[in-house]
Amino acid sequence: MAAKNLRPGRNITTSAASTVATKRRALERSLDDILAAPTSCDLAQALQNKFRRARYQLLTFARWPGEVQATNNA
């Protein structure tokens, strides 16, 4: 799903704010689906928990276009 949304390496600063917001919401919904997916796999559960703890940081680049790189590697 991310392929249809904001992709790392693309300059989102040239996109309209409404476009970035729409795509960010779509990414958030995809993340909701991933975190809500039932699993009995311990590894998948551990990854879901890590994503839950880091949820706010995962889409920082979309909340602050041009100020934070998609890789968050400053």
PDB file of N, CA and C in Angstrom:
ATOM      1  N   MET A   1       0.805  -1.195   0.000  1.00  0.00           N
ATOM      2  CA  MET A   1       0.000   0.000   0.000  1.00  0.00           C
ATOM      3  C   MET A   1       0.850   1.262   0.000  1.00  0.00           C
ATOM      4  N   ALA A   2       2.006   1.196   0.600  1.00  0.00           N
ATOM      5  CA  ALA A   2       2.859   2.369   0.663  1.00  0.00           C
ATOM      6  C   ALA A   2       3.265   2.843  -0.726  1.00  0.00           C
ATOM      7  N   ALA A   3       3.303   1.944  -1.709  1.00  0.00           N
ATOM      8  CA  ALA A   3       3.683   2.334  -3.059  1.00  0.00           C
ATOM      9  C   ALA A   3       2.722   3.375  -3.620  1.00  0.00           C
ATOM     10  N   LYS A   4       1.472   3.349  -3.203  1.00  0.00           N
ATOM     11  CA  LYS A   4       0.490   4.316  -3.669  1.00  0.00           C
ATOM     12  C   LYS A   4       0.560   5.602  -2.864  1.00  0.00           C
ATOM     13  N   ASN A   5       1.211   5.555  -1.745  1.00  0.00           N
ATOM     14  CA  ASN A   5       1.255   6.688  -0.842  1.00  0.00           C
ATOM     15  C   ASN A   5       2.584   7.413  -0.964  1.00  0.00           C
ATOM     16  N   LEU A   6       3.007   8.030   0.085  1.00  0.00           N
ATOM     17  CA  LEU A   6       4.282   8.728   0.099  1.00  0.00           C
ATOM     18  C   LEU A   6       5.399   7.703   0.101  1.00  0.00           C
ATOM     19  N   ARG A   7       6.359   7.902  -0.747  1.00  0.00           N
ATOM     20  CA  ARG A   7       7.457   6.954  -0.847  1.00  0.00           C
ATOM     21  C   ARG A   7       8.755   7.641  -0.484  1.00  0.00           C
ATOM     22  N   PRO A   8       9.602   6.958   0.297  1.00  0.00           N
ATOM     23  CA  PRO A   8      10.914   7.528   0.588  1.00  0.00           C
ATOM     24  C   PRO A   8      11.654   7.810  -0.721  1.00  0.00           C
ATOM     25  N   GLY A   9      12.372   8.898  -0.741  1.00  0.00           N
ATOM     26  CA  GLY A   9      13.126   9.252  -1.930  1.00  0.00           C
ATOM     27  C   GLY A   9      12.402  10.238  -2.842  1.00  0.00           C
ATOM     28  N   ARG A  10      11.120  10.413  -2.635  1.00  0.00           N
ATOM     29  CA  ARG A  10      10.377  11.400  -3.425  1.00  0.00           C
ATOM     30  C   ARG A  10      10.308  12.681  -2.623  1.00  0.00           C
ATOM     31  N   ASN A  11      10.336  13.790  -3.303  1.00  0.00           N
ATOM     32  CA  ASN A  11      10.305  15.076  -2.631  1.00  0.00           C
ATOM     33  C   ASN A  11       8.857  15.478  -2.377  1.00  0.00           C
ATOM     34  N   ILE A  12       8.383  15.287  -1.166  1.00  0.00           N
ATOM     35  CA  ILE A  12       6.984  15.603  -0.857  1.00  0.00           C
ATOM     36  C   ILE A  12       6.782  17.089  -0.616  1.00  0.00           C
ATOM     37  N   THR A  13       7.870  17.848  -0.594  1.00  0.00           N
ATOM     38  CA  THR A  13       7.717  19.290  -0.394  1.00  0.00           C
ATOM     39  C   THR A  13       7.105  19.961  -1.615  1.00  0.00           C
ATOM     40  N   THR A  14       7.126  19.294  -2.758  1.00  0.00           N
ATOM     41  CA  THR A  14       6.533  19.879  -3.963  1.00  0.00           C
ATOM     42  C   THR A  14       5.073  19.471  -4.142  1.00  0.00           C
ATOM     43  N   SER A  15       4.582  18.589  -3.304  1.00  0.00           N
ATOM     44  CA  SER A  15       3.181  18.164  -3.374  1.00  0.00           C
ATOM     45  C   SER A  15       2.306  19.146  -2.611  1.00  0.00           C
ATOM     46  N   ALA A  16       1.070  19.255  -3.030  1.00  0.00           N
ATOM     47  CA  ALA A  16       0.120  20.114  -2.322  1.00  0.00           C
ATOM     48  C   ALA A  16      -0.089  19.588  -0.911  1.00  0.00           C
ATOM     49  N   ALA A  17      -0.298  20.492   0.022  1.00  0.00           N
ATOM     50  CA  ALA A  17      -0.495  20.098   1.429  1.00  0.00           C
ATOM     51  C   ALA A  17      -1.660  19.129   1.562  1.00  0.00           C
ATOM     52  N   SER A  18      -2.708  19.339   0.796  1.00  0.00           N
ATOM     53  CA  SER A  18      -3.875  18.442   0.878  1.00  0.00           C
ATOM     54  C   SER A  18      -3.518  17.046   0.379  1.00  0.00           C
ATOM     55  N   THR A  19      -2.656  16.960  -0.627  1.00  0.00           N
ATOM     56  CA  THR A  19      -2.219  15.662  -1.143  1.00  0.00           C
ATOM     57  C   THR A  19      -1.397  14.925  -0.108  1.00  0.00           C
ATOM     58  N   VAL A  20      -0.481  15.633   0.523  1.00  0.00           N
ATOM     59  CA  VAL A  20       0.355  15.027   1.564  1.00  0.00           C
ATOM     60  C   VAL A  20      -0.525  14.559   2.716  1.00  0.00           C
ATOM     61  N   ALA A  21      -1.489  15.367   3.126  1.00  0.00           N
ATOM     62  CA  ALA A  21      -2.373  14.998   4.232  1.00  0.00           C
ATOM     63  C   ALA A  21      -3.215  13.770   3.884  1.00  0.00           C
ATOM     64  N   THR A  22      -3.724  13.718   2.678  1.00  0.00           N
ATOM     65  CA  THR A  22      -4.527  12.563   2.239  1.00  0.00           C
ATOM     66  C   THR A  22      -3.690  11.297   2.243  1.00  0.00           C
ATOM     67  N   LYS A  23      -2.483  11.389   1.717  1.00  0.00           N
ATOM     68  CA  LYS A  23      -1.609  10.221   1.663  1.00  0.00           C
ATOM     69  C   LYS A  23      -1.134   9.819   3.053  1.00  0.00           C
ATOM     70  N   ARG A  24      -0.909  10.795   3.930  1.00  0.00           N
ATOM     71  CA  ARG A  24      -0.525  10.477   5.308  1.00  0.00           C
ATOM     72  C   ARG A  24      -1.642   9.711   6.013  1.00  0.00           C
ATOM     73  N   ARG A  25      -2.875  10.152   5.821  1.00  0.00           N
ATOM     74  CA  ARG A  25      -4.013   9.443   6.428  1.00  0.00           C
ATOM     75  C   ARG A  25      -4.111   8.016   5.899  1.00  0.00           C
ATOM     76  N   ALA A  26      -3.852   7.828   4.612  1.00  0.00           N
ATOM     77  CA  ALA A  26      -3.879   6.483   4.037  1.00  0.00           C
ATOM     78  C   ALA A  26      -2.781   5.613   4.656  1.00  0.00           C
ATOM     79  N   LEU A  27      -1.600   6.180   4.864  1.00  0.00           N
ATOM     80  CA  LEU A  27      -0.524   5.436   5.526  1.00  0.00           C
ATOM     81  C   LEU A  27      -0.905   5.088   6.964  1.00  0.00           C
ATOM     82  N   GLU A  28      -1.550   6.028   7.652  1.00  0.00           N
ATOM     83  CA  GLU A  28      -1.982   5.764   9.029  1.00  0.00           C
ATOM     84  C   GLU A  28      -3.012   4.640   9.075  1.00  0.00           C
ATOM     85  N   ARG A  29      -3.913   4.607   8.100  1.00  0.00           N
ATOM     86  CA  ARG A  29      -4.898   3.513   8.045  1.00  0.00           C
ATOM     87  C   ARG A  29      -4.208   2.176   7.768  1.00  0.00           C
ATOM     88  N   SER A  30      -3.216   2.196   6.882  1.00  0.00           N
ATOM     89  CA  SER A  30      -2.461   0.964   6.616  1.00  0.00           C
ATOM     90  C   SER A  30      -1.746   0.491   7.868  1.00  0.00           C
ATOM     91  N   LEU A  31      -1.165   1.422   8.597  1.00  0.00           N
ATOM     92  CA  LEU A  31      -0.497   1.080   9.846  1.00  0.00           C
ATOM     93  C   LEU A  31      -1.499   0.527  10.858  1.00  0.00           C
ATOM     94  N   ASP A  32      -2.685   1.114  10.930  1.00  0.00           N
ATOM     95  CA  ASP A  32      -3.744   0.585  11.803  1.00  0.00           C
ATOM     96  C   ASP A  32      -4.042  -0.873  11.467  1.00  0.00           C
ATOM     97  N   ASP A  33      -4.139  -1.168  10.177  1.00  0.00           N
ATOM     98  CA  ASP A  33      -4.424  -2.542   9.734  1.00  0.00           C
ATOM     99  C   ASP A  33      -3.314  -3.498  10.160  1.00  0.00           C
ATOM    100  N   ILE A  34      -2.076  -3.067   9.990  1.00  0.00           N
ATOM    101  CA  ILE A  34      -0.942  -3.911  10.385  1.00  0.00           C
ATOM    102  C   ILE A  34      -0.970  -4.177  11.884  1.00  0.00           C
ATOM    103  N   LEU A  35      -1.220  -3.146  12.664  1.00  0.00           N
ATOM    104  CA  LEU A  35      -1.209  -3.305  14.122  1.00  0.00           C
ATOM    105  C   LEU A  35      -2.410  -4.084  14.639  1.00  0.00           C
ATOM    106  N   ALA A  36      -3.492  -4.086  13.886  1.00  0.00           N
ATOM    107  CA  ALA A  36      -4.697  -4.802  14.318  1.00  0.00           C
ATOM    108  C   ALA A  36      -4.735  -6.242  13.817  1.00  0.00           C
ATOM    109  N   ALA A  37      -3.823  -6.598  12.938  1.00  0.00           N
ATOM    110  CA  ALA A  37      -3.830  -7.950  12.359  1.00  0.00           C
ATOM    111  C   ALA A  37      -3.569  -8.996  13.433  1.00  0.00           C
ATOM    112  N   PRO A  38      -4.454  -9.957  13.556  1.00  0.00           N
ATOM    113  CA  PRO A  38      -4.225 -11.008  14.546  1.00  0.00           C
ATOM    114  C   PRO A  38      -3.076 -11.918  14.101  1.00  0.00           C
ATOM    115  N   THR A  39      -2.272 -12.315  15.057  1.00  0.00           N
ATOM    116  CA  THR A  39      -1.169 -13.220  14.742  1.00  0.00           C
ATOM    117  C   THR A  39      -0.837 -14.061  15.969  1.00  0.00           C
ATOM    118  N   SER A  40      -0.434 -15.277  15.710  1.00  0.00           N
ATOM    119  CA  SER A  40       0.004 -16.142  16.805  1.00  0.00           C
ATOM    120  C   SER A  40       1.527 -16.288  16.784  1.00  0.00           C
ATOM    121  N   CYS A  41       2.165 -15.611  15.834  1.00  0.00           N
ATOM    122  CA  CYS A  41       3.617 -15.670  15.692  1.00  0.00           C
ATOM    123  C   CYS A  41       4.265 -14.706  16.685  1.00  0.00           C
ATOM    124  N   ASP A  42       5.157 -15.222  17.507  1.00  0.00           N
ATOM    125  CA  ASP A  42       5.825 -14.385  18.505  1.00  0.00           C
ATOM    126  C   ASP A  42       6.618 -13.251  17.869  1.00  0.00           C
ATOM    127  N   LEU A  43       7.289 -13.525  16.751  1.00  0.00           N
ATOM    128  CA  LEU A  43       8.070 -12.491  16.077  1.00  0.00           C
ATOM    129  C   LEU A  43       7.160 -11.382  15.552  1.00  0.00           C
ATOM    130  N   ALA A  44       6.063 -11.746  14.920  1.00  0.00           N
ATOM    131  CA  ALA A  44       5.118 -10.755  14.401  1.00  0.00           C
ATOM    132  C   ALA A  44       4.533  -9.926  15.534  1.00  0.00           C
ATOM    133  N   GLN A  45       4.217 -10.558  16.657  1.00  0.00           N
ATOM    134  CA  GLN A  45       3.694  -9.828  17.812  1.00  0.00           C
ATOM    135  C   GLN A  45       4.727  -8.844  18.345  1.00  0.00           C
ATOM    136  N   ALA A  46       5.989  -9.271  18.383  1.00  0.00           N
ATOM    137  CA  ALA A  46       7.058  -8.393  18.861  1.00  0.00           C
ATOM    138  C   ALA A  46       7.219  -7.185  17.928  1.00  0.00           C
ATOM    139  N   LEU A  47       7.140  -7.432  16.625  1.00  0.00           N
ATOM    140  CA  LEU A  47       7.238  -6.334  15.668  1.00  0.00           C
ATOM    141  C   LEU A  47       6.048  -5.385  15.775  1.00  0.00           C
ATOM    142  N   GLN A  48       4.861  -5.940  15.936  1.00  0.00           N
ATOM    143  CA  GLN A  48       3.687  -5.090  16.122  1.00  0.00           C
ATOM    144  C   GLN A  48       3.861  -4.216  17.359  1.00  0.00           C
ATOM    145  N   ASN A  49       4.367  -4.790  18.434  1.00  0.00           N
ATOM    146  CA  ASN A  49       4.575  -4.014  19.658  1.00  0.00           C
ATOM    147  C   ASN A  49       5.604  -2.914  19.463  1.00  0.00           C
ATOM    148  N   LYS A  50       6.682  -3.194  18.719  1.00  0.00           N
ATOM    149  CA  LYS A  50       7.683  -2.160  18.435  1.00  0.00           C
ATOM    150  C   LYS A  50       7.060  -1.036  17.608  1.00  0.00           C
ATOM    151  N   PHE A  51       6.257  -1.404  16.624  1.00  0.00           N
ATOM    152  CA  PHE A  51       5.586  -0.390  15.812  1.00  0.00           C
ATOM    153  C   PHE A  51       4.628   0.436  16.661  1.00  0.00           C
ATOM    154  N   ARG A  52       3.929  -0.212  17.582  1.00  0.00           N
ATOM    155  CA  ARG A  52       3.010   0.532  18.464  1.00  0.00           C
ATOM    156  C   ARG A  52       3.769   1.555  19.303  1.00  0.00           C
ATOM    157  N   ARG A  53       4.907   1.132  19.848  1.00  0.00           N
ATOM    158  CA  ARG A  53       5.696   2.052  20.681  1.00  0.00           C
ATOM    159  C   ARG A  53       6.280   3.208  19.865  1.00  0.00           C
ATOM    160  N   ALA A  54       6.595   2.965  18.605  1.00  0.00           N
ATOM    161  CA  ALA A  54       7.228   3.980  17.761  1.00  0.00           C
ATOM    162  C   ALA A  54       6.241   4.635  16.795  1.00  0.00           C
ATOM    163  N   ARG A  55       4.978   4.356  16.962  1.00  0.00           N
ATOM    164  CA  ARG A  55       3.963   4.806  16.015  1.00  0.00           C
ATOM    165  C   ARG A  55       4.072   6.298  15.681  1.00  0.00           C
ATOM    166  N   TYR A  56       4.225   7.124  16.674  1.00  0.00           N
ATOM    167  CA  TYR A  56       4.252   8.567  16.427  1.00  0.00           C
ATOM    168  C   TYR A  56       5.446   8.960  15.552  1.00  0.00           C
ATOM    169  N   GLN A  57       6.568   8.289  15.724  1.00  0.00           N
ATOM    170  CA  GLN A  57       7.770   8.633  14.963  1.00  0.00           C
ATOM    171  C   GLN A  57       7.747   8.088  13.536  1.00  0.00           C
ATOM    172  N   LEU A  58       6.976   7.048  13.263  1.00  0.00           N
ATOM    173  CA  LEU A  58       7.025   6.382  11.965  1.00  0.00           C
ATOM    174  C   LEU A  58       6.669   7.293  10.787  1.00  0.00           C
ATOM    175  N   LEU A  59       5.742   8.179  10.973  1.00  0.00           N
ATOM    176  CA  LEU A  59       5.295   9.037   9.872  1.00  0.00           C
ATOM    177  C   LEU A  59       5.659  10.507  10.089  1.00  0.00           C
ATOM    178  N   THR A  60       6.697  10.737  10.864  1.00  0.00           N
ATOM    179  CA  THR A  60       7.137  12.105  11.133  1.00  0.00           C
ATOM    180  C   THR A  60       7.424  12.851   9.842  1.00  0.00           C
ATOM    181  N   PHE A  61       8.043  12.186   8.872  1.00  0.00           N
ATOM    182  CA  PHE A  61       8.383  12.836   7.604  1.00  0.00           C
ATOM    183  C   PHE A  61       7.144  13.358   6.883  1.00  0.00           C
ATOM    184  N   ALA A  62       5.995  12.722   7.093  1.00  0.00           N
ATOM    185  CA  ALA A  62       4.764  13.160   6.432  1.00  0.00           C
ATOM    186  C   ALA A  62       4.091  14.289   7.206  1.00  0.00           C
ATOM    187  N   ARG A  63       4.333  14.346   8.513  1.00  0.00           N
ATOM    188  CA  ARG A  63       3.764  15.439   9.308  1.00  0.00           C
ATOM    189  C   ARG A  63       4.538  16.732   9.110  1.00  0.00           C
ATOM    190  N   TRP A  64       5.812  16.614   8.813  1.00  0.00           N
ATOM    191  CA  TRP A  64       6.692  17.781   8.664  1.00  0.00           C
ATOM    192  C   TRP A  64       7.431  17.704   7.323  1.00  0.00           C
ATOM    193  N   PRO A  65       6.720  17.791   6.191  1.00  0.00           N
ATOM    194  CA  PRO A  65       7.357  17.664   4.878  1.00  0.00           C
ATOM    195  C   PRO A  65       8.490  18.673   4.691  1.00  0.00           C
ATOM    196  N   GLY A  66       9.610  18.163   4.252  1.00  0.00           N
ATOM    197  CA  GLY A  66      10.757  19.015   3.992  1.00  0.00           C
ATOM    198  C   GLY A  66      11.627  19.287   5.196  1.00  0.00           C
ATOM    199  N   GLU A  67      11.108  19.057   6.391  1.00  0.00           N
ATOM    200  CA  GLU A  67      11.877  19.311   7.608  1.00  0.00           C
ATOM    201  C   GLU A  67      12.521  18.041   8.147  1.00  0.00           C
ATOM    202  N   VAL A  68      11.932  16.897   7.852  1.00  0.00           N
ATOM    203  CA  VAL A  68      12.451  15.613   8.305  1.00  0.00           C
ATOM    204  C   VAL A  68      12.505  14.681   7.103  1.00  0.00           C
ATOM    205  N   GLN A  69      13.640  14.056   6.891  1.00  0.00           N
ATOM    206  CA  GLN A  69      13.773  13.109   5.795  1.00  0.00           C
ATOM    207  C   GLN A  69      12.964  11.842   6.092  1.00  0.00           C
ATOM    208  N   ALA A  70      12.537  11.148   5.050  1.00  0.00           N
ATOM    209  CA  ALA A  70      11.750   9.926   5.223  1.00  0.00           C
ATOM    210  C   ALA A  70      12.525   8.857   5.989  1.00  0.00           C
ATOM    211  N   THR A  71      13.845   8.892   5.919  1.00  0.00           N
ATOM    212  CA  THR A  71      14.663   7.911   6.634  1.00  0.00           C
ATOM    213  C   THR A  71      14.860   8.292   8.096  1.00  0.00           C
ATOM    214  N   ASN A  72      14.550   9.540   8.446  1.00  0.00           N
ATOM    215  CA  ASN A  72      14.749  10.070   9.798  1.00  0.00           C
ATOM    216  C   ASN A  72      16.194   9.935  10.262  1.00  0.00           C
ATOM    217  N   ASN A  73      17.108   9.797   9.317  1.00  0.00           N
ATOM    218  CA  ASN A  73      18.527   9.695   9.656  1.00  0.00           C
ATOM    219  C   ASN A  73      19.165  11.067   9.555  1.00  0.00           C
ATOM    220  N   ALA A  74      19.218  11.752  10.656  1.00  0.00           N
ATOM    221  CA  ALA A  74      19.813  13.093  10.647  1.00  0.00           C
ATOM    222  C   ALA A  74      21.266  13.022  11.063  1.00  0.00           C
TER     223      ALA A  74
END
